Amino acid sequence: MPVNRRSFIKSLGIGAAGLSLNNFLLTAQQSNKFKDDVNRNYLPDLQVDVIVIGAGPSGIPAAMAAAREGAKVILLEEDTTPGGAPVNMYVTFMCGAPRTGIYLETVRQLNKNHSLGIEPSKTFGDYAWDNKNHWWLPSSYSRVWNAMLSAQKNITLMCGCRVIDAIVSTKGNRNTVTGVVMMRNELYQRVLAPVTIDATGTGLVSAKAGCNFFYGSDAKSDFNESIGLEKSDGKVQPCTQMFISQRTKSNTEFPRSAFNTGVLLYDDPKWEVHQTPEEAVRKDAGIYLHWGSTVHVEDTTDIVQVAAAQMEALNRLKPRLEALQKAGYATHMAPKIGVRECRRIQGEYVVTVDDVINGVFQDDHVADAWYALDPWGMKIEEKVKLDVKPYGIPYRSLIPLNTEGLLTAGRIISGTRLAMSSYRVQPICGTIGEAAGTAAAMAANKKTGVRNIDIRQLQRKLEAAGLFDWYGHVNLNVNNKPWRK
């Protein structure tokens, strides 16, 4: 049952908390009065071909791909440095597949120049697939992505710029997004473009544009899924405070007894809890990535609630942090708590959990995906959770329903909560972003709508960029190239 956004926001102040548990589809109605408000001070308008909102694991590939297609791009980021989750939430562990395209360029540079073992991993290979757990320092991601973005002359990166609204034309059959309003140095500034990509991770721009969105868990019956909840509980996946511990004293031993899970060595097939005591002593590199305390947040669109959850997580971590300090380890806490789930924007197609577990490739698929179902906070039979076949992300899932001039990228694309628990990881979000950026540039260059581009041409471009060749390198036979027929 759709919920009217005006009454919804009035009752909450902001966000998605307070939603009736059996309602998960929200209708975002937005008036967009900013350009008519003469009392606000504006900087001069900026005009480009493509706007990308969010310089994270999906936004950076989106901007890079659009720029490589010849589009002039503005990449907006509210933080003072690009990077998103690996940089500000310390989600620096690479999981999921495929590792292709611009994301693969990133991890190759990380392995070559930023290995925690100083020398590159000898087993990394061309496609970063060696059954080992790879992770890097957050600052290493910053350095690699800064270099990649600086080398691309078609991209203007603007950090410290918070988008506060979408500019929408309501003429015709669909709302058309023509740009965004951002806050810059306490002043407002419009950025205009024929195509905007929402890679925020929260779906804020899409919600501001009036798009319908899903929030919280679905019931099985909502999308005729074979597994899931009988009745929606309205919850999103919990948030986790990540941190890194580093040995600062010689002849000290990592306090394994203080941790029962979520501690990762670099370049090793085993997590710390799976090491024998002898292995742990032999392999100890003196630096570990930690999944710290996990906290449920009712409304992950509300930064006040998210901030409160971070404080709660830090308080819960106190015994473990004290054990590390006593053992001679310093800790580096992520500036932001890790958020797994927020809005999911309703698109022309909704990816379901059955698409994921049955390995479905729609005719318009633009990104490959392969990762287990990983819905923190929801119990799923282990065999079902892990027995996921390679599957495809349809282009229609990137196109918000009844909206033109807007594409989504990353975890906010159109899918059910269980399906999203698989494709939310960074390698998959990166390929979705690259597909969105390529499509956005095609639409802008041809002066047409995002629905009107040649999908076969888009797929051929993505194949030429290497987005569909990963499975052959890991001996998986996947016939997923309808554009070749």
Protein backbone atom coordinates (compact mmCIF):
# COMPACT_ATOMS: atom_id res chain seq x y z
CA MET A 1 0.00 0.00 0.00
CA PRO A 2 1.57 3.34 -1.06
CA VAL A 3 2.09 5.93 1.63
CA ASN A 4 1.67 9.60 0.79
CA ARG A 5 5.04 11.23 1.38
CA ARG A 6 3.62 14.58 2.50
CA SER A 7 1.72 13.13 5.48
CA PHE A 8 4.51 10.63 6.04
CA ILE A 9 7.22 13.29 6.40
CA LYS A 10 4.93 15.49 8.49
CA SER A 11 4.48 12.72 11.02
CA LEU A 12 8.18 11.93 11.23
CA GLY A 13 10.08 15.09 10.58
CA ILE A 14 12.33 13.18 8.19
CA GLY A 15 13.14 9.71 6.90
CA ALA A 16 11.34 6.39 6.98
CA ALA A 17 10.90 5.58 10.67
CA GLY A 18 7.41 5.01 11.97
CA LEU A 19 6.29 3.24 8.80
CA SER A 20 3.46 0.78 9.38
CA LEU A 21 5.14 -2.61 9.37
CA ASN A 22 3.09 -4.02 6.51
CA ASN A 23 3.69 -1.00 4.26
CA PHE A 24 6.95 -0.89 2.40
CA LEU A 25 6.21 1.11 -0.79
CA LEU A 26 6.44 4.85 -0.32
CA THR A 27 5.29 7.47 -2.81
CA ALA A 28 7.64 10.44 -2.71
CA GLN A 29 5.81 13.58 -3.79
CA GLN A 30 8.13 16.54 -4.23
CA SER A 31 7.16 20.15 -5.03
CA ASN A 32 10.67 21.40 -5.95
CA LYS A 33 10.12 25.07 -5.18
CA PHE A 34 13.76 25.99 -4.91
CA LYS A 35 14.14 27.74 -8.27
CA ASP A 36 11.07 29.91 -7.53
CA ASP A 37 12.30 31.06 -4.13
CA VAL A 38 13.71 34.57 -4.63
CA ASN A 39 14.74 34.81 -0.99
CA ARG A 40 17.52 32.23 -1.38
CA ASN A 41 21.01 33.21 -2.51
CA TYR A 42 22.26 31.24 -5.50
CA LEU A 43 25.63 30.77 -7.11
CA PRO A 44 25.61 30.69 -10.95
CA ASP A 45 24.13 27.56 -12.51
CA LEU A 46 26.43 24.81 -13.75
CA GLN A 47 25.59 22.89 -16.94
CA VAL A 48 27.01 19.51 -17.98
CA ASP A 49 25.94 16.34 -19.81
CA VAL A 50 25.74 14.00 -16.81
CA ILE A 51 25.52 14.56 -13.06
CA VAL A 52 26.56 11.76 -10.70
CA ILE A 53 25.58 12.13 -7.05
CA GLY A 54 27.80 10.18 -4.67
CA ALA A 55 31.52 9.50 -5.21
CA GLY A 56 31.55 5.98 -3.83
CA PRO A 57 32.01 2.45 -5.21
CA SER A 58 29.13 2.86 -7.70
CA GLY A 59 29.34 6.61 -8.33
CA ILE A 60 33.02 6.72 -9.26
CA PRO A 61 32.68 4.00 -11.94
CA ALA A 62 29.51 5.75 -13.19
CA ALA A 63 31.33 9.06 -13.59
CA MET A 64 34.39 7.41 -15.15
CA ALA A 65 32.28 5.45 -17.65
CA ALA A 66 30.25 8.50 -18.71
CA ALA A 67 33.43 10.55 -19.12
CA ARG A 68 35.05 7.85 -21.25
CA GLU A 69 32.03 8.04 -23.53
CA GLY A 70 32.80 11.71 -24.09
CA ALA A 71 30.25 13.21 -21.69
CA LYS A 72 31.07 16.19 -19.51
CA VAL A 73 30.44 15.05 -15.95
CA ILE A 74 30.09 16.68 -12.55
CA LEU A 75 30.61 14.23 -9.70
CA LEU A 76 29.14 15.54 -6.44
CA GLU A 77 30.17 14.23 -3.03
CA GLU A 78 28.99 15.50 0.35
CA ASP A 79 32.17 14.35 2.14
CA THR A 80 35.43 16.24 1.67
CA THR A 81 37.07 13.34 -0.15
CA PRO A 82 35.75 10.75 -2.61
CA GLY A 83 35.53 7.07 -1.77
CA GLY A 84 32.33 6.38 0.12
CA ALA A 85 32.08 3.19 2.18
CA PRO A 86 35.72 1.98 1.87
CA VAL A 87 37.01 5.38 2.97
CA ASN A 88 34.55 6.65 5.55
CA MET A 89 33.03 3.37 6.81
CA TYR A 90 36.19 1.21 6.47
CA VAL A 91 34.38 -1.37 4.34
CA THR A 92 37.67 -2.22 2.67
CA PHE A 93 37.19 -5.97 2.25
CA MET A 94 36.50 -7.21 -1.29
CA CYS A 95 33.68 -9.75 -1.48
CA GLY A 96 31.36 -10.77 -4.28
CA ALA A 97 31.86 -10.87 -8.02
CA PRO A 98 32.48 -10.17 -10.80
CA ARG A 99 35.60 -8.04 -10.49
CA THR A 100 35.55 -6.32 -13.87
CA GLY A 101 35.81 -2.98 -15.63
CA ILE A 102 36.65 0.11 -13.62
CA TYR A 103 36.31 -1.73 -10.32
CA LEU A 104 38.93 -4.22 -11.50
CA GLU A 105 41.22 -1.34 -12.47
CA THR A 106 40.85 -0.10 -8.90
CA VAL A 107 41.71 -3.35 -7.15
CA ARG A 108 44.62 -4.02 -9.50
CA GLN A 109 46.11 -0.68 -8.48
CA LEU A 110 45.42 -1.46 -4.83
CA ASN A 111 47.23 -4.77 -5.08
CA LYS A 112 50.12 -3.39 -7.12
CA ASN A 113 50.88 -0.30 -5.06
CA HIS A 114 49.11 -0.60 -1.69
CA SER A 115 49.40 -4.18 -0.46
CA LEU A 116 49.52 -4.48 3.32
CA GLY A 117 52.32 -6.97 2.75
CA ILE A 118 54.26 -4.22 0.91
CA GLU A 119 54.83 -6.54 -2.05
CA PRO A 120 51.80 -7.32 -4.29
CA SER A 121 49.97 -10.56 -3.59
CA LYS A 122 51.58 -13.30 -5.69
CA THR A 123 48.28 -15.15 -6.16
CA PHE A 124 46.08 -12.14 -6.98
CA GLY A 125 45.96 -12.90 -10.69
CA ASP A 126 44.43 -10.89 -13.49
CA TYR A 127 40.92 -11.05 -12.05
CA ALA A 128 41.56 -10.90 -8.28
CA TRP A 129 40.17 -14.38 -7.76
CA ASP A 130 42.42 -16.56 -5.60
CA ASN A 131 40.11 -17.59 -2.74
CA LYS A 132 41.91 -15.24 -0.39
CA ASN A 133 40.45 -12.38 1.65
CA HIS A 134 41.83 -9.14 0.27
CA TRP A 135 41.51 -5.78 1.98
CA TRP A 136 43.41 -2.51 1.98
CA LEU A 137 43.69 0.62 4.09
CA PRO A 138 40.97 3.26 3.57
CA SER A 139 43.63 5.82 2.63
CA SER A 140 44.78 3.50 -0.15
CA TYR A 141 41.34 3.62 -1.75
CA SER A 142 41.45 7.42 -1.49
CA ARG A 143 44.82 7.58 -3.24
CA VAL A 144 43.82 5.24 -6.06
CA TRP A 145 40.49 6.90 -6.78
CA ASN A 146 41.93 10.41 -6.51
CA ALA A 147 44.51 9.47 -9.13
CA MET A 148 41.91 7.89 -11.42
CA LEU A 149 39.54 10.84 -11.20
CA SER A 150 42.31 13.43 -11.60
CA ALA A 151 43.45 11.76 -14.81
CA GLN A 152 39.97 12.03 -16.38
CA LYS A 153 39.63 15.54 -17.82
CA ASN A 154 35.90 15.18 -18.53
CA ILE A 155 35.09 14.90 -14.82
CA THR A 156 34.73 17.81 -12.43
CA LEU A 157 34.82 16.43 -8.90
CA MET A 158 33.11 18.65 -6.34
CA CYS A 159 33.46 17.48 -2.74
CA GLY A 160 31.87 19.04 0.31
CA CYS A 161 28.72 19.66 -1.72
CA ARG A 162 25.51 18.30 -0.24
CA VAL A 163 22.62 17.77 -2.63
CA ILE A 164 19.38 18.97 -1.02
CA ASP A 165 16.84 18.71 -3.83
CA ALA A 166 16.10 17.50 -7.33
CA ILE A 167 14.94 19.81 -10.10
CA VAL A 168 11.94 18.25 -11.80
CA SER A 169 9.80 19.17 -14.76
CA THR A 170 6.27 17.81 -14.46
CA LYS A 171 5.27 18.28 -18.11
CA GLY A 172 4.22 15.23 -20.12
CA ASN A 173 3.51 11.67 -19.01
CA ARG A 174 6.53 11.38 -16.74
CA ASN A 175 8.37 13.61 -14.32
CA THR A 176 11.69 14.63 -15.86
CA VAL A 177 14.74 15.28 -13.69
CA THR A 178 16.74 18.16 -15.17
CA GLY A 179 19.29 18.61 -12.40
CA VAL A 180 19.82 19.04 -8.68
CA VAL A 181 20.22 21.78 -6.10
CA MET A 182 23.26 21.55 -3.87
CA MET A 183 24.53 23.43 -0.85
CA ARG A 184 27.99 24.92 -1.44
CA ASN A 185 29.69 27.20 1.07
CA GLU A 186 26.29 27.85 2.71
CA LEU A 187 24.89 29.01 -0.64
CA TYR A 188 22.64 27.20 -3.09
CA GLN A 189 23.73 26.21 -6.56
CA ARG A 190 21.89 24.43 -9.36
CA VAL A 191 23.63 21.81 -11.45
CA LEU A 192 21.78 21.06 -14.68
CA ALA A 193 22.10 18.10 -17.04
CA PRO A 194 19.90 15.96 -19.30
CA VAL A 195 20.78 12.88 -17.21
CA THR A 196 21.36 12.51 -13.46
CA ILE A 197 22.62 9.34 -11.73
CA ASP A 198 21.62 8.74 -8.12
CA ALA A 199 24.56 6.84 -6.59
CA THR A 200 24.00 8.17 -3.08
CA GLY A 201 23.46 4.80 -1.41
CA THR A 202 20.42 6.32 0.30
CA GLY A 203 18.28 7.07 -2.76
CA LEU A 204 17.89 10.66 -1.58
CA VAL A 205 17.88 12.25 -5.04
CA SER A 206 15.31 9.79 -6.36
CA ALA A 207 13.08 10.37 -3.35
CA LYS A 208 13.38 14.13 -3.83
CA ALA A 209 12.44 13.65 -7.48
CA GLY A 210 9.16 12.03 -6.48
CA CYS A 211 10.08 8.42 -7.22
CA ASN A 212 8.40 5.56 -5.39
CA PHE A 213 10.73 3.62 -3.14
CA PHE A 214 10.72 0.51 -0.97
CA TYR A 215 11.97 0.60 2.59
CA GLY A 216 12.42 -2.35 4.89
CA SER A 217 11.71 -6.02 4.43
CA ASP A 218 9.13 -7.40 2.03
CA ALA A 219 6.71 -10.24 2.61
CA LYS A 220 7.07 -13.25 0.32
CA SER A 221 3.70 -12.51 -1.23
CA ASP A 222 4.64 -8.96 -2.22
CA PHE A 223 6.68 -10.18 -5.18
CA ASN A 224 5.72 -13.87 -5.23
CA GLU A 225 9.11 -14.87 -3.84
CA SER A 226 9.76 -18.46 -2.81
CA ILE A 227 11.58 -17.55 0.41
CA GLY A 228 11.38 -14.73 2.90
CA LEU A 229 9.08 -13.43 5.60
CA GLU A 230 5.42 -14.33 5.72
CA LYS A 231 4.77 -10.78 6.88
CA SER A 232 7.02 -7.76 6.57
CA ASP A 233 8.60 -6.61 9.81
CA GLY A 234 9.53 -3.23 8.33
CA LYS A 235 13.19 -3.60 9.29
CA VAL A 236 16.35 -2.89 7.32
CA GLN A 237 19.65 -4.67 7.83
CA PRO A 238 21.60 -3.49 10.91
CA CYS A 239 24.58 -1.16 10.82
CA THR A 240 28.12 -2.16 11.86
CA GLN A 241 30.97 -0.08 13.24
CA MET A 242 34.14 -1.13 11.43
CA PHE A 243 37.65 -0.53 12.74
CA ILE A 244 41.26 -1.54 12.18
CA SER A 245 43.62 -2.68 14.93
CA GLN A 246 47.37 -2.32 14.59
CA ARG A 247 50.18 -3.63 16.77
CA THR A 248 52.24 -0.86 18.35
CA LYS A 249 54.43 -2.91 20.72
CA SER A 250 56.87 -5.63 19.79
CA ASN A 251 56.57 -9.15 21.21
CA THR A 252 52.84 -8.85 21.77
CA GLU A 253 50.11 -11.31 20.89
CA PHE A 254 46.70 -10.53 19.36
CA PRO A 255 43.99 -11.04 22.04
CA ARG A 256 41.97 -13.68 20.18
CA SER A 257 39.88 -14.60 23.22
CA ALA A 258 38.19 -11.17 23.10
CA PHE A 259 36.77 -11.83 19.62
CA ASN A 260 34.51 -14.64 18.46
CA THR A 261 33.99 -13.47 14.86
CA GLY A 262 34.55 -10.69 12.35
CA VAL A 263 38.34 -10.32 12.45
CA LEU A 264 40.22 -10.55 9.18
CA LEU A 265 43.85 -10.91 8.23
CA TYR A 266 44.92 -9.70 4.80
CA ASP A 267 45.79 -11.98 1.88
CA ASP A 268 44.70 -15.16 3.67
CA PRO A 269 41.92 -17.69 2.99
CA LYS A 270 40.97 -17.97 6.68
CA TRP A 271 39.39 -15.50 9.08
CA GLU A 272 41.17 -15.07 12.40
CA VAL A 273 38.65 -17.20 14.28
CA HIS A 274 39.32 -20.08 11.88
CA GLN A 275 43.08 -20.08 12.44
CA THR A 276 44.64 -22.61 14.77
CA PRO A 277 46.70 -21.00 17.55
CA GLU A 278 49.86 -22.06 15.72
CA GLU A 279 48.64 -20.55 12.43
CA ALA A 280 47.66 -17.33 14.17
CA VAL A 281 51.14 -16.88 15.62
CA ARG A 282 52.84 -17.75 12.34
CA LYS A 283 50.65 -15.57 10.13
CA ASP A 284 50.18 -12.59 12.42
CA ALA A 285 50.95 -9.43 10.43
CA GLY A 286 50.11 -7.08 13.28
CA ILE A 287 47.11 -5.47 11.54
CA TYR A 288 43.48 -6.63 11.41
CA LEU A 289 40.16 -5.50 9.96
CA HIS A 290 37.28 -5.78 12.44
CA TRP A 291 33.53 -6.05 12.09
CA GLY A 292 32.83 -4.28 15.36
CA SER A 293 29.52 -3.84 17.14
CA THR A 294 26.32 -4.16 15.12
CA VAL A 295 23.29 -1.97 15.91
CA HIS A 296 19.77 -1.95 14.47
CA VAL A 297 18.63 1.45 13.20
CA GLU A 298 14.93 1.94 12.62
CA ASP A 299 15.41 4.64 9.98
CA THR A 300 18.71 4.72 8.08
CA THR A 301 17.55 7.80 6.14
CA ASP A 302 17.70 9.79 9.40
CA ILE A 303 21.29 10.87 10.08
CA VAL A 304 20.42 11.63 13.71
CA GLN A 305 19.40 8.02 14.30
CA VAL A 306 22.45 6.74 12.43
CA ALA A 307 24.73 8.96 14.54
CA ALA A 308 23.07 7.74 17.73
CA ALA A 309 23.62 4.15 16.59
CA GLN A 310 27.30 4.89 16.08
CA MET A 311 27.62 6.15 19.63
CA GLU A 312 25.86 3.02 20.89
CA ALA A 313 28.20 0.84 18.86
CA LEU A 314 31.26 2.59 20.29
CA ASN A 315 29.98 2.05 23.81
CA ARG A 316 29.43 -1.64 23.13
CA LEU A 317 32.96 -1.95 21.75
CA LYS A 318 34.62 -0.67 24.91
CA PRO A 319 35.61 -4.12 26.37
CA ARG A 320 37.16 -5.24 23.07
CA LEU A 321 38.99 -1.97 22.57
CA GLU A 322 40.37 -2.18 26.11
CA ALA A 323 41.55 -5.75 25.46
CA LEU A 324 43.36 -4.59 22.33
CA GLN A 325 44.98 -1.66 24.12
CA LYS A 326 46.13 -3.88 26.96
CA ALA A 327 47.66 -6.28 24.42
CA GLY A 328 49.58 -3.46 22.72
CA TYR A 329 47.27 -2.68 19.79
CA ALA A 330 46.05 0.74 18.69
CA THR A 331 42.66 1.07 16.97
CA HIS A 332 41.58 3.18 14.00
CA MET A 333 37.79 3.69 14.12
CA ALA A 334 35.80 4.31 10.94
CA PRO A 335 34.48 7.89 10.88
CA LYS A 336 31.01 6.61 9.98
CA ILE A 337 29.13 3.50 11.00
CA GLY A 338 28.59 1.11 8.09
CA VAL A 339 25.06 1.26 6.64
CA ARG A 340 23.96 -1.78 4.61
CA GLU A 341 20.49 -0.79 3.52
CA CYS A 342 18.37 2.27 2.90
CA ARG A 343 15.78 3.11 0.24
CA ARG A 344 15.34 0.86 -2.81
CA ILE A 345 13.97 2.86 -5.73
CA GLN A 346 11.06 1.23 -7.57
CA GLY A 347 12.06 0.77 -11.19
CA GLU A 348 10.65 -0.64 -14.40
CA TYR A 349 11.69 -4.08 -13.16
CA VAL A 350 12.08 -5.39 -9.61
CA VAL A 351 14.88 -7.95 -9.14
CA THR A 352 13.59 -10.74 -6.89
CA VAL A 353 15.36 -13.31 -4.74
CA ASP A 354 14.23 -15.98 -7.20
CA ASP A 355 16.07 -14.13 -9.99
CA VAL A 356 19.15 -14.38 -7.79
CA ILE A 357 18.95 -17.99 -6.65
CA ASN A 358 17.86 -19.26 -10.08
CA GLY A 359 20.54 -17.37 -11.99
CA VAL A 360 18.16 -15.37 -14.21
CA PHE A 361 19.59 -13.19 -16.99
CA GLN A 362 16.97 -10.85 -18.42
CA ASP A 363 17.28 -9.86 -22.06
CA ASP A 364 18.29 -6.31 -21.09
CA HIS A 365 20.87 -7.25 -18.45
CA VAL A 366 23.74 -4.78 -18.14
CA ALA A 367 25.69 -6.09 -15.15
CA ASP A 368 26.64 -9.58 -14.01
CA ALA A 369 26.40 -10.52 -10.33
CA TRP A 370 27.40 -13.41 -8.12
CA TYR A 371 27.28 -13.40 -4.33
CA ALA A 372 25.46 -15.27 -1.57
CA LEU A 373 22.29 -13.99 0.02
CA ASP A 374 23.53 -11.95 2.97
CA PRO A 375 20.58 -10.32 4.77
CA TRP A 376 21.98 -9.53 8.20
CA GLY A 377 19.29 -9.98 10.82
CA MET A 378 17.26 -12.52 8.84
CA LYS A 379 17.71 -16.29 9.13
CA ILE A 380 17.94 -18.23 5.88
CA GLU A 381 18.75 -21.88 5.42
CA GLU A 382 22.50 -22.12 4.84
CA LYS A 383 22.22 -24.17 1.66
CA VAL A 384 19.78 -21.68 0.11
CA LYS A 385 21.88 -18.75 1.26
CA LEU A 386 25.06 -20.01 -0.37
CA ASP A 387 23.69 -21.80 -3.43
CA VAL A 388 23.40 -18.71 -5.62
CA LYS A 389 24.05 -18.92 -9.35
CA PRO A 390 25.50 -16.08 -11.41
CA TYR A 391 22.67 -13.74 -12.40
CA GLY A 392 22.11 -10.50 -14.27
CA ILE A 393 21.01 -6.97 -13.34
CA PRO A 394 18.45 -5.67 -15.87
CA TYR A 395 18.76 -2.15 -17.25
CA ARG A 396 15.09 -1.61 -16.35
CA SER A 397 16.02 -1.91 -12.66
CA LEU A 398 18.17 1.21 -13.03
CA ILE A 399 15.29 3.27 -14.45
CA PRO A 400 12.90 4.70 -11.83
CA LEU A 401 9.25 4.13 -12.59
CA ASN A 402 7.44 7.07 -14.26
CA THR A 403 10.59 9.21 -14.25
CA GLU A 404 12.83 10.41 -17.07
CA GLY A 405 16.35 11.87 -16.97
CA LEU A 406 17.31 9.79 -13.92
CA LEU A 407 19.17 6.50 -13.41
CA THR A 408 20.04 4.73 -10.18
CA ALA A 409 23.28 2.91 -9.35
CA GLY A 410 24.49 0.64 -6.57
CA ARG A 411 22.41 -0.90 -3.81
CA ILE A 412 19.44 1.46 -4.32
CA ILE A 413 18.37 -0.03 -7.67
CA SER A 414 14.97 -1.69 -7.96
CA GLY A 415 14.96 -5.00 -6.12
CA THR A 416 13.52 -6.79 -3.13
CA ARG A 417 15.30 -6.74 0.18
CA LEU A 418 16.55 -10.33 -0.16
CA ALA A 419 17.79 -9.78 -3.71
CA MET A 420 19.54 -6.58 -2.63
CA SER A 421 21.32 -8.47 0.14
CA SER A 422 23.28 -10.20 -2.63
CA TYR A 423 24.00 -7.38 -5.10
CA ARG A 424 24.77 -4.70 -2.48
CA VAL A 425 28.51 -5.58 -2.36
CA GLN A 426 31.07 -3.29 -3.95
CA PRO A 427 32.21 -5.26 -7.03
CA ILE A 428 28.59 -5.63 -8.17
CA CYS A 429 27.72 -2.04 -7.28
CA GLY A 430 30.76 -0.97 -9.30
CA THR A 431 29.60 -2.79 -12.45
CA ILE A 432 26.07 -1.41 -12.01
CA GLY A 433 27.56 2.08 -11.74
CA GLU A 434 29.65 1.59 -14.87
CA ALA A 435 26.58 0.44 -16.77
CA ALA A 436 24.58 3.44 -15.56
CA GLY A 437 27.35 5.87 -16.52
CA THR A 438 27.67 4.41 -20.00
CA ALA A 439 23.90 4.54 -20.54
CA ALA A 440 23.69 8.11 -19.22
CA ALA A 441 26.37 9.28 -21.63
CA MET A 442 24.65 7.55 -24.55
CA ALA A 443 21.37 9.28 -23.73
CA ALA A 444 23.02 12.68 -23.25
CA ASN A 445 25.14 12.38 -26.40
CA LYS A 446 22.14 11.36 -28.54
CA LYS A 447 19.87 13.90 -26.85
CA THR A 448 17.31 11.24 -26.03
CA GLY A 449 15.72 9.72 -22.96
CA VAL A 450 17.33 6.97 -20.90
CA ARG A 451 14.57 4.60 -22.07
CA ASN A 452 15.23 5.30 -25.74
CA ILE A 453 18.88 4.28 -26.05
CA ASP A 454 19.80 1.20 -28.05
CA ILE A 455 20.09 -1.50 -25.39
CA ARG A 456 22.08 -3.80 -27.68
CA GLN A 457 24.58 -1.01 -28.36
CA LEU A 458 24.84 -0.41 -24.61
CA GLN A 459 25.51 -4.09 -24.00
CA ARG A 460 28.16 -4.18 -26.74
CA LYS A 461 29.89 -1.18 -25.18
CA LEU A 462 29.87 -2.85 -21.77
CA GLU A 463 31.23 -6.06 -23.24
CA ALA A 464 34.03 -4.12 -24.93
CA ALA A 465 34.85 -2.62 -21.53
CA GLY A 466 35.22 -6.15 -20.12
CA LEU A 467 32.12 -6.24 -17.93
CA PHE A 468 30.93 -9.63 -19.17
CA ASP A 469 34.14 -11.64 -19.54
CA TRP A 470 34.87 -12.48 -15.90
CA TYR A 471 33.08 -15.82 -15.64
CA GLY A 472 35.17 -17.41 -18.36
CA HIS A 473 38.27 -16.71 -16.30
CA VAL A 474 36.94 -18.60 -13.28
CA ASN A 475 35.69 -21.56 -15.33
CA LEU A 476 31.98 -20.75 -15.11
CA ASN A 477 29.95 -21.44 -18.23
CA VAL A 478 27.37 -18.65 -18.37
CA ASN A 479 25.53 -17.96 -21.62
CA ASN A 480 24.41 -14.42 -20.95
CA LYS A 481 25.03 -12.43 -24.14
CA PRO A 482 21.73 -11.96 -26.02
CA TRP A 483 23.18 -9.09 -28.08
CA ARG A 484 25.36 -11.61 -29.89
CA LYS A 485 22.40 -13.64 -31.11
